[in-house]
PDB file of N, CA and C in Angstrom:
ATOM      1  N   UNK A   1      -6.433  30.009   5.995  1.00  0.00           N
ATOM      2  CA  UNK A   1      -6.923  28.725   4.405  1.00  0.00           C
ATOM      3  C   UNK A   1      -7.838  28.909   4.000  1.00  0.00           C
ATOM      4  N   UNK A   2      -8.968  29.392   2.701  1.00  0.00           N
ATOM      5  CA  UNK A   2      -9.874  30.105   2.328  1.00  0.00           C
ATOM      6  C   UNK A   2     -10.697  28.133   2.208  1.00  0.00           C
ATOM      7  N   UNK A   3     -11.855  28.522   2.856  1.00  0.00           N
ATOM      8  CA  UNK A   3     -12.575  27.142   2.755  1.00  0.00           C
ATOM      9  C   UNK A   3     -12.357  26.567   1.352  1.00  0.00           C
ATOM     10  N   UNK A   4     -12.697  27.272   0.701  1.00  0.00           N
ATOM     11  CA  UNK A   4     -12.433  26.856  -1.479  1.00  0.00           C
ATOM     12  C   UNK A   4     -11.797  25.549  -1.276  1.00  0.00           C
ATOM     13  N   UNK A   5     -10.069  25.996  -0.577  1.00  0.00           N
ATOM     14  CA  UNK A   5      -8.541  26.110  -0.551  1.00  0.00           C
ATOM     15  C   UNK A   5      -8.478  24.601   0.047  1.00  0.00           C
ATOM     16  N   UNK A   6      -8.786  24.768   1.549  1.00  0.00           N
ATOM     17  CA  UNK A   6      -9.655  23.172   2.040  1.00  0.00           C
ATOM     18  C   UNK A   6     -10.882  22.217   1.104  1.00  0.00           C
ATOM     19  N   UNK A   7     -11.585  22.786   0.470  1.00  0.00           N
ATOM     20  CA  UNK A   7     -12.043  21.840  -0.636  1.00  0.00           C
ATOM     21  C   UNK A   7     -11.154  21.102  -0.808  1.00  0.00           C
ATOM     22  N   UNK A   8     -10.610  22.531  -2.140  1.00  0.00           N
ATOM     23  CA  UNK A   8      -9.659  21.226  -3.115  1.00  0.00           C
ATOM     24  C   UNK A   8      -8.984  20.770  -2.537  1.00  0.00           C
ATOM     25  N   UNK A   9      -7.977  20.301  -1.165  1.00  0.00           N
ATOM     26  CA  UNK A   9      -6.710  20.533  -1.263  1.00  0.00           C
ATOM     27  C   UNK A   9      -7.472  18.048  -0.135  1.00  0.00           C
ATOM     28  N   UNK A  10      -9.128  18.358   0.343  1.00  0.00           N
ATOM     29  CA  UNK A  10      -9.783  17.175   0.451  1.00  0.00           C
ATOM     30  C   UNK A  10      -9.982  16.104  -0.986  1.00  0.00           C
ATOM     31  N   UNK A  11      -9.978  16.881  -1.438  1.00  0.00           N
ATOM     32  CA  UNK A  11     -10.464  16.235  -3.110  1.00  0.00           C
ATOM     33  C   UNK A  11     -10.101  15.549  -3.838  1.00  0.00           C
ATOM     34  N   UNK A  12      -8.532  16.369  -3.776  1.00  0.00           N
ATOM     35  CA  UNK A  12      -7.359  16.221  -3.613  1.00  0.00           C
ATOM     36  C   UNK A  12      -6.495  14.684  -3.405  1.00  0.00           C
ATOM     37  N   UNK A  13      -7.161  15.329  -1.889  1.00  0.00           N
ATOM     38  CA  UNK A  13      -6.749  13.599  -0.823  1.00  0.00           C
ATOM     39  C   UNK A  13      -7.600  13.311  -0.940  1.00  0.00           C
ATOM     40  N   UNK A  14      -8.344  12.980  -1.177  1.00  0.00           N
ATOM     41  CA  UNK A  14      -9.803  11.443  -1.952  1.00  0.00           C
ATOM     42  C   UNK A  14      -9.857  10.715  -2.961  1.00  0.00           C
ATOM     43  N   UNK A  15      -8.794  12.145  -3.820  1.00  0.00           N
ATOM     44  CA  UNK A  15      -8.729  11.351  -5.212  1.00  0.00           C
ATOM     45  C   UNK A  15      -7.510  10.246  -5.109  1.00  0.00           C
ATOM     46  N   UNK A  16      -6.807  10.981  -4.831  1.00  0.00           N
ATOM     47  CA  UNK A  16      -5.590  10.607  -4.148  1.00  0.00           C
ATOM     48  C   UNK A  16      -5.522   8.717  -3.329  1.00  0.00           C
ATOM     49  N   UNK A  17      -6.517   8.797  -2.852  1.00  0.00           N
ATOM     50  CA  UNK A  17      -6.236   7.543  -1.797  1.00  0.00           C
ATOM     51  C   UNK A  17      -6.835   7.279  -2.717  1.00  0.00           C
ATOM     52  N   UNK A  18      -8.221   7.309  -3.353  1.00  0.00           N
ATOM     53  CA  UNK A  18      -8.520   6.114  -4.121  1.00  0.00           C
ATOM     54  C   UNK A  18      -7.838   5.422  -5.356  1.00  0.00           C
ATOM     55  N   UNK A  19      -7.276   6.627  -5.994  1.00  0.00           N
ATOM     56  CA  UNK A  19      -5.953   6.213  -6.777  1.00  0.00           C
ATOM     57  C   UNK A  19      -5.552   4.645  -6.406  1.00  0.00           C
ATOM     58  N   UNK A  20      -4.819   5.394  -5.327  1.00  0.00           N
ATOM     59  CA  UNK A  20      -3.238   5.138  -4.464  1.00  0.00           C
ATOM     60  C   UNK A  20      -3.271   3.670  -4.085  1.00  0.00           C
ATOM     61  N   UNK A  21      -5.084   3.172  -3.214  1.00  0.00           N
ATOM     62  CA  UNK A  21      -5.533   2.830  -2.017  1.00  0.00           C
ATOM     63  C   UNK A  21      -4.529   1.099  -2.820  1.00  0.00           C
ATOM     64  N   UNK A  22      -5.700   0.793  -3.988  1.00  0.00           N
ATOM     65  CA  UNK A  22      -5.517  -0.347  -4.640  1.00  0.00           C
ATOM     66  C   UNK A  22      -4.110  -0.730  -4.911  1.00  0.00           C
ATOM     67  N   UNK A  23      -2.659   0.382  -5.849  1.00  0.00           N
ATOM     68  CA  UNK A  23      -1.805  -0.175  -5.393  1.00  0.00           C
ATOM     69  C   UNK A  23      -1.198  -0.623  -4.918  1.00  0.00           C
ATOM     70  N   UNK A  24      -1.320  -0.076  -3.162  1.00  0.00           N
ATOM     71  CA  UNK A  24      -0.781   0.325  -2.033  1.00  0.00           C
ATOM     72  C   UNK A  24      -1.054  -0.962  -1.818  1.00  0.00           C
ATOM     73  N   UNK A  25      -2.567  -2.031  -1.371  1.00  0.00           N
ATOM     74  CA  UNK A  25      -3.315  -3.216  -1.036  1.00  0.00           C
ATOM     75  C   UNK A  25      -2.430  -4.406  -1.504  1.00  0.00           C
ATOM     76  N   UNK A  26      -1.589  -4.131  -3.504  1.00  0.00           N
ATOM     77  CA  UNK A  26      -1.188  -5.050  -4.010  1.00  0.00           C
ATOM     78  C   UNK A  26       0.318  -5.202  -3.635  1.00  0.00           C
ATOM     79  N   UNK A  27       0.628  -3.462  -3.215  1.00  0.00           N
ATOM     80  CA  UNK A  27       2.040  -3.545  -3.037  1.00  0.00           C
ATOM     81  C   UNK A  27       1.990  -5.277  -1.078  1.00  0.00           C
ATOM     82  N   UNK A  28       1.863  -4.248  -0.385  1.00  0.00           N
ATOM     83  CA  UNK A  28       1.916  -5.153   0.728  1.00  0.00           C
ATOM     84  C   UNK A  28       1.388  -6.110   0.874  1.00  0.00           C
ATOM     85  N   UNK A  29       0.374  -6.774  -0.360  1.00  0.00           N
ATOM     86  CA  UNK A  29       0.147  -8.225  -0.253  1.00  0.00           C
ATOM     87  C   UNK A  29       1.146  -9.275  -0.716  1.00  0.00           C
ATOM     88  N   UNK A  30       2.004  -8.198  -1.973  1.00  0.00           N
ATOM     89  CA  UNK A  30       3.215  -8.858  -2.708  1.00  0.00           C
ATOM     90  C   UNK A  30       3.762  -9.120  -1.372  1.00  0.00           C
ATOM     91  N   UNK A  31       4.104  -8.206  -0.987  1.00  0.00           N
ATOM     92  CA  UNK A  31       5.857  -8.181  -0.049  1.00  0.00           C
ATOM     93  C   UNK A  31       5.735  -9.018   0.715  1.00  0.00           C
ATOM     94  N   UNK A  32       3.795  -9.339   2.027  1.00  0.00           N
ATOM     95  CA  UNK A  32       3.883 -10.060   2.657  1.00  0.00           C
ATOM     96  C   UNK A  32       3.479 -11.845   2.453  1.00  0.00           C
ATOM     97  N   UNK A  33       2.998 -12.449   0.403  1.00  0.00           N
ATOM     98  CA  UNK A  33       3.677 -13.164  -0.199  1.00  0.00           C
ATOM     99  C   UNK A  33       5.329 -13.655  -0.320  1.00  0.00           C
ATOM    100  N   UNK A  34       6.465 -11.909  -0.252  1.00  0.00           N
ATOM    101  CA  UNK A  34       7.056 -12.609  -0.462  1.00  0.00           C
ATOM    102  C   UNK A  34       8.411 -12.636   0.647  1.00  0.00           C
ATOM    103  N   UNK A  35       7.976 -12.525   1.947  1.00  0.00           N
ATOM    104  CA  UNK A  35       8.657 -12.629   3.059  1.00  0.00           C
ATOM    105  C   UNK A  35       8.533 -14.476   3.303  1.00  0.00           C
ATOM    106  N   UNK A  36       6.892 -14.210   3.099  1.00  0.00           N
ATOM    107  CA  UNK A  36       6.100 -15.969   3.921  1.00  0.00           C
ATOM    108  C   UNK A  36       7.110 -16.675   2.668  1.00  0.00           C
ATOM    109  N   UNK A  37       7.148 -16.649   0.923  1.00  0.00           N
ATOM    110  CA  UNK A  37       8.131 -17.314   0.611  1.00  0.00           C
ATOM    111  C   UNK A  37       8.922 -17.338   0.977  1.00  0.00           C
ATOM    112  N   UNK A  38       9.905 -16.692   1.196  1.00  0.00           N
ATOM    113  CA  UNK A  38      11.265 -16.420   1.758  1.00  0.00           C
ATOM    114  C   UNK A  38      11.187 -17.055   3.083  1.00  0.00           C
ATOM    115  N   UNK A  39      10.861 -17.124   3.716  1.00  0.00           N
ATOM    116  CA  UNK A  39      10.837 -17.826   4.864  1.00  0.00           C
ATOM    117  C   UNK A  39      10.446 -18.617   4.726  1.00  0.00           C
ATOM    118  N   UNK A  40      10.060 -19.988   4.031  1.00  0.00           N
ATOM    119  CA  UNK A  40       9.798 -21.273   4.175  1.00  0.00           C
ATOM    120  C   UNK A  40      10.647 -21.625   3.466  1.00  0.00           C
ATOM    121  N   UNK A  41      11.166 -20.888   2.125  1.00  0.00           N
ATOM    122  CA  UNK A  41      12.930 -21.260   2.217  1.00  0.00           C
ATOM    123  C   UNK A  41      13.834 -21.467   2.938  1.00  0.00           C
ATOM    124  N   UNK A  42      13.894 -20.398   3.399  1.00  0.00           N
ATOM    125  CA  UNK A  42      15.025 -20.577   4.214  1.00  0.00           C
ATOM    126  C   UNK A  42      14.936 -22.035   5.714  1.00  0.00           C
ATOM    127  N   UNK A  43      12.874 -22.500   6.108  1.00  0.00           N
ATOM    128  CA  UNK A  43      13.300 -23.282   6.537  1.00  0.00           C
ATOM    129  C   UNK A  43      13.612 -24.250   5.988  1.00  0.00           C
ATOM    130  N   UNK A  44      13.290 -24.591   4.820  1.00  0.00           N
ATOM    131  CA  UNK A  44      13.229 -25.767   3.999  1.00  0.00           C
ATOM    132  C   UNK A  44      14.794 -26.165   3.837  1.00  0.00           C
ATOM    133  N   UNK A  45      15.774 -25.050   3.885  1.00  0.00           N
ATOM    134  CA  UNK A  45      17.622 -25.481   3.389  1.00  0.00           C
ATOM    135  C   UNK A  45      17.874 -25.749   5.388  1.00  0.00           C
ATOM    136  N   UNK A  46      16.895 -24.829   5.914  1.00  0.00           N
ATOM    137  CA  UNK A  46      18.094 -25.236   7.283  1.00  0.00           C
ATOM    138  C   UNK A  46      18.032 -26.548   8.048  1.00  0.00           C
ATOM    139  N   UNK A  47      16.471 -27.359   6.650  1.00  0.00           N
ATOM    140  CA  UNK A  47      16.196 -28.884   7.509  1.00  0.00           C
ATOM    141  C   UNK A  47      16.454 -29.766   6.295  1.00  0.00           C
TER     142      UNK A  47
END
């Protein structure tokens, strides 16, 4: 693999990480909040 190719692959990876990282964080936090809400709902229904 040429050095130039490796450099561009690294640049592309770095760029995509910076772009997608906020989305991943939002998705994970939303999923966690959703699961917490679901657990609370189940507990309330059981009681």
